[in-house]
Structures are given as C-alpha cells and as structure tokens.
C-alpha cells in the first residue's frame, strides 16, 4: 500500500501532470514537493533567494513560475530567480 501512495505522489508531481493541471504559477508547497523537499525547506530557500525556480512575490503571496519549475525538473539545472552567480552583465 505504501508503494502505491508513492506512485500516486510521484505522478502528481511529474512534469506531464504539472503541464496538464497547473496554471502559470504554483504554490511553494507543491513546487517543493515536486523537487523532493519539504514545504518548510522550500520557504527557507525562498527567503534566502535560493529556491531553484523563479519565484514571484505578489503582496504577501509567494508563487513559483510553472515554466521555470518544469525547466528545472527536466534539466536538473536551477534557475535562482534570474540571479545566477557569474551571469550578471555590467551596467
């Protein structure tokens, strides 16, 4: 029975399921689970600016950009909110 729960959980956060069911943004909790860590860890990473996907703060709400999450899941490369070290251009 436990294995079945993991299969359902894994399917829920697969790129195919996310594409079919999520809008332009998703919750930090769901994105964290898709990436394999807890809600608390996800919010900690958001607070530090180190969440592996692009994050939008709208008022008091924090949302994860679905397209960014999908790129991270498929490539394994983080997108630290557009602020990757060494990729800044001088002004």
C-alpha atoms as a PDB file:
ATOM      1  CA  UNK A   1       0.000   0.000   0.000  1.00  0.00           C
ATOM      2  CA  UNK A   2       2.845   2.407   0.802  1.00  0.00           C
ATOM      3  CA  UNK A   3       4.346   1.878  -2.657  1.00  0.00           C
ATOM      4  CA  UNK A   4       1.042   2.793  -4.265  1.00  0.00           C
ATOM      5  CA  UNK A   5       0.969   6.083  -2.335  1.00  0.00           C
ATOM      6  CA  UNK A   6       4.471   6.929  -3.601  1.00  0.00           C
ATOM      7  CA  UNK A   7       3.415   6.165  -7.183  1.00  0.00           C
ATOM      8  CA  UNK A   8       0.399   8.446  -6.912  1.00  0.00           C
ATOM      9  CA  UNK A   9       2.512  11.136  -5.225  1.00  0.00           C
ATOM     10  CA  UNK A  10       5.200  10.836  -7.909  1.00  0.00           C
ATOM     11  CA  UNK A  11       2.637  11.041 -10.709  1.00  0.00           C
ATOM     12  CA  UNK A  12       1.038  14.112  -9.133  1.00  0.00           C
ATOM     13  CA  UNK A  13       4.330  15.984  -9.384  1.00  0.00           C
ATOM     14  CA  UNK A  14       5.531  14.660 -12.739  1.00  0.00           C
ATOM     15  CA  UNK A  15       6.237  17.221 -15.474  1.00  0.00           C
ATOM     16  CA  UNK A  16       3.398  15.773 -17.572  1.00  0.00           C
ATOM     17  CA  UNK A  17       0.864  16.165 -14.766  1.00  0.00           C
ATOM     18  CA  UNK A  18       2.124  19.639 -13.869  1.00  0.00           C
ATOM     19  CA  UNK A  19       1.790  20.766 -17.522  1.00  0.00           C
ATOM     20  CA  UNK A  20      -1.756  19.417 -17.682  1.00  0.00           C
ATOM     21  CA  UNK A  21      -3.064  20.749 -14.377  1.00  0.00           C
ATOM     22  CA  UNK A  22      -1.122  23.816 -13.204  1.00  0.00           C
ATOM     23  CA  UNK A  23      -1.733  27.375 -14.326  1.00  0.00           C
ATOM     24  CA  UNK A  24       1.111  29.861 -14.846  1.00  0.00           C
ATOM     25  CA  UNK A  25       2.163  29.583 -11.211  1.00  0.00           C
ATOM     26  CA  UNK A  26       2.024  27.031  -8.426  1.00  0.00           C
ATOM     27  CA  UNK A  27       2.350  27.051  -4.679  1.00  0.00           C
ATOM     28  CA  UNK A  28       5.711  26.882  -2.948  1.00  0.00           C
ATOM     29  CA  UNK A  29       4.475  23.756  -1.158  1.00  0.00           C
ATOM     30  CA  UNK A  30       3.621  21.896  -4.374  1.00  0.00           C
ATOM     31  CA  UNK A  31       6.786  23.034  -6.154  1.00  0.00           C
ATOM     32  CA  UNK A  32       8.868  21.949  -3.161  1.00  0.00           C
ATOM     33  CA  UNK A  33       7.292  18.508  -3.208  1.00  0.00           C
ATOM     34  CA  UNK A  34       7.871  18.215  -6.956  1.00  0.00           C
ATOM     35  CA  UNK A  35      11.545  18.997  -6.314  1.00  0.00           C
ATOM     36  CA  UNK A  36      11.738  16.476  -3.481  1.00  0.00           C
ATOM     37  CA  UNK A  37      11.928  18.588  -0.364  1.00  0.00           C
ATOM     38  CA  UNK A  38       9.574  19.793   2.362  1.00  0.00           C
ATOM     39  CA  UNK A  39       7.381  22.887   2.421  1.00  0.00           C
ATOM     40  CA  UNK A  40       9.484  24.324   5.257  1.00  0.00           C
ATOM     41  CA  UNK A  41      12.709  23.828   3.275  1.00  0.00           C
ATOM     42  CA  UNK A  42      11.056  25.416   0.234  1.00  0.00           C
ATOM     43  CA  UNK A  43      10.052  28.541   2.142  1.00  0.00           C
ATOM     44  CA  UNK A  44      13.509  28.721   3.705  1.00  0.00           C
ATOM     45  CA  UNK A  45      15.080  28.643   0.238  1.00  0.00           C
ATOM     46  CA  UNK A  46      12.638  31.324  -0.975  1.00  0.00           C
ATOM     47  CA  UNK A  47      13.517  33.533   1.992  1.00  0.00           C
ATOM     48  CA  UNK A  48      17.247  33.183   1.218  1.00  0.00           C
ATOM     49  CA  UNK A  49      16.736  33.768  -2.522  1.00  0.00           C
ATOM     50  CA  UNK A  50      17.966  30.243  -3.300  1.00  0.00           C
ATOM     51  CA  UNK A  51      14.802  28.462  -4.442  1.00  0.00           C
ATOM     52  CA  UNK A  52      15.830  26.589  -7.614  1.00  0.00           C
ATOM     53  CA  UNK A  53      12.973  28.089  -9.671  1.00  0.00           C
ATOM     54  CA  UNK A  54      11.748  31.578 -10.429  1.00  0.00           C
ATOM     55  CA  UNK A  55       9.546  32.878  -7.629  1.00  0.00           C
ATOM     56  CA  UNK A  56       7.058  35.723  -7.728  1.00  0.00           C
ATOM     57  CA  UNK A  57       6.086  37.684  -4.655  1.00  0.00           C
ATOM     58  CA  UNK A  58       2.683  39.281  -5.115  1.00  0.00           C
ATOM     59  CA  UNK A  59       1.762  41.183  -1.983  1.00  0.00           C
ATOM     60  CA  UNK A  60       2.023  38.657   0.818  1.00  0.00           C
ATOM     61  CA  UNK A  61       1.690  35.704  -1.554  1.00  0.00           C
ATOM     62  CA  UNK A  62       4.623  33.762  -2.994  1.00  0.00           C
ATOM     63  CA  UNK A  63       4.143  31.741  -6.190  1.00  0.00           C
ATOM     64  CA  UNK A  64       6.507  29.582  -8.244  1.00  0.00           C
ATOM     65  CA  UNK A  65       6.574  30.073 -12.022  1.00  0.00           C
ATOM     66  CA  UNK A  66       5.394  26.795 -13.571  1.00  0.00           C
ATOM     67  CA  UNK A  67       7.552  27.077 -16.718  1.00  0.00           C
ATOM     68  CA  UNK A  68      10.632  27.590 -14.550  1.00  0.00           C
ATOM     69  CA  UNK A  69       9.758  24.590 -12.382  1.00  0.00           C
ATOM     70  CA  UNK A  70       9.348  22.415 -15.479  1.00  0.00           C
ATOM     71  CA  UNK A  71      12.731  23.536 -16.860  1.00  0.00           C
ATOM     72  CA  UNK A  72      14.395  22.690 -13.542  1.00  0.00           C
ATOM     73  CA  UNK A  73      12.686  19.285 -13.322  1.00  0.00           C
ATOM     74  CA  UNK A  74      13.652  18.398 -16.883  1.00  0.00           C
ATOM     75  CA  UNK A  75      17.200  19.771 -16.918  1.00  0.00           C
ATOM     76  CA  UNK A  76      18.255  19.410 -13.306  1.00  0.00           C
ATOM     77  CA  UNK A  77      19.764  22.914 -13.528  1.00  0.00           C
ATOM     78  CA  UNK A  78      18.491  25.504 -11.018  1.00  0.00           C
ATOM     79  CA  UNK A  79      17.209  28.926 -12.031  1.00  0.00           C
ATOM     80  CA  UNK A  80      17.829  31.059  -8.960  1.00  0.00           C
ATOM     81  CA  UNK A  81      15.247  33.735  -9.731  1.00  0.00           C
ATOM     82  CA  UNK A  82      17.357  35.053 -12.604  1.00  0.00           C
ATOM     83  CA  UNK A  83      20.261  35.856 -10.273  1.00  0.00           C
ATOM     84  CA  UNK A  84      22.767  33.135 -11.111  1.00  0.00           C
ATOM     85  CA  UNK A  85      26.307  33.824  -9.969  1.00  0.00           C
ATOM     86  CA  UNK A  86      28.570  34.870 -12.814  1.00  0.00           C
ATOM     87  CA  UNK A  87      25.731  35.624 -15.227  1.00  0.00           C
ATOM     88  CA  UNK A  88      25.293  39.321 -14.410  1.00  0.00           C
ATOM     89  CA  UNK A  89      26.081  41.865 -17.096  1.00  0.00           C
ATOM     90  CA  UNK A  90      27.782  45.111 -16.127  1.00  0.00           C
ATOM     91  CA  UNK A  91      25.687  48.292 -16.318  1.00  0.00           C
END
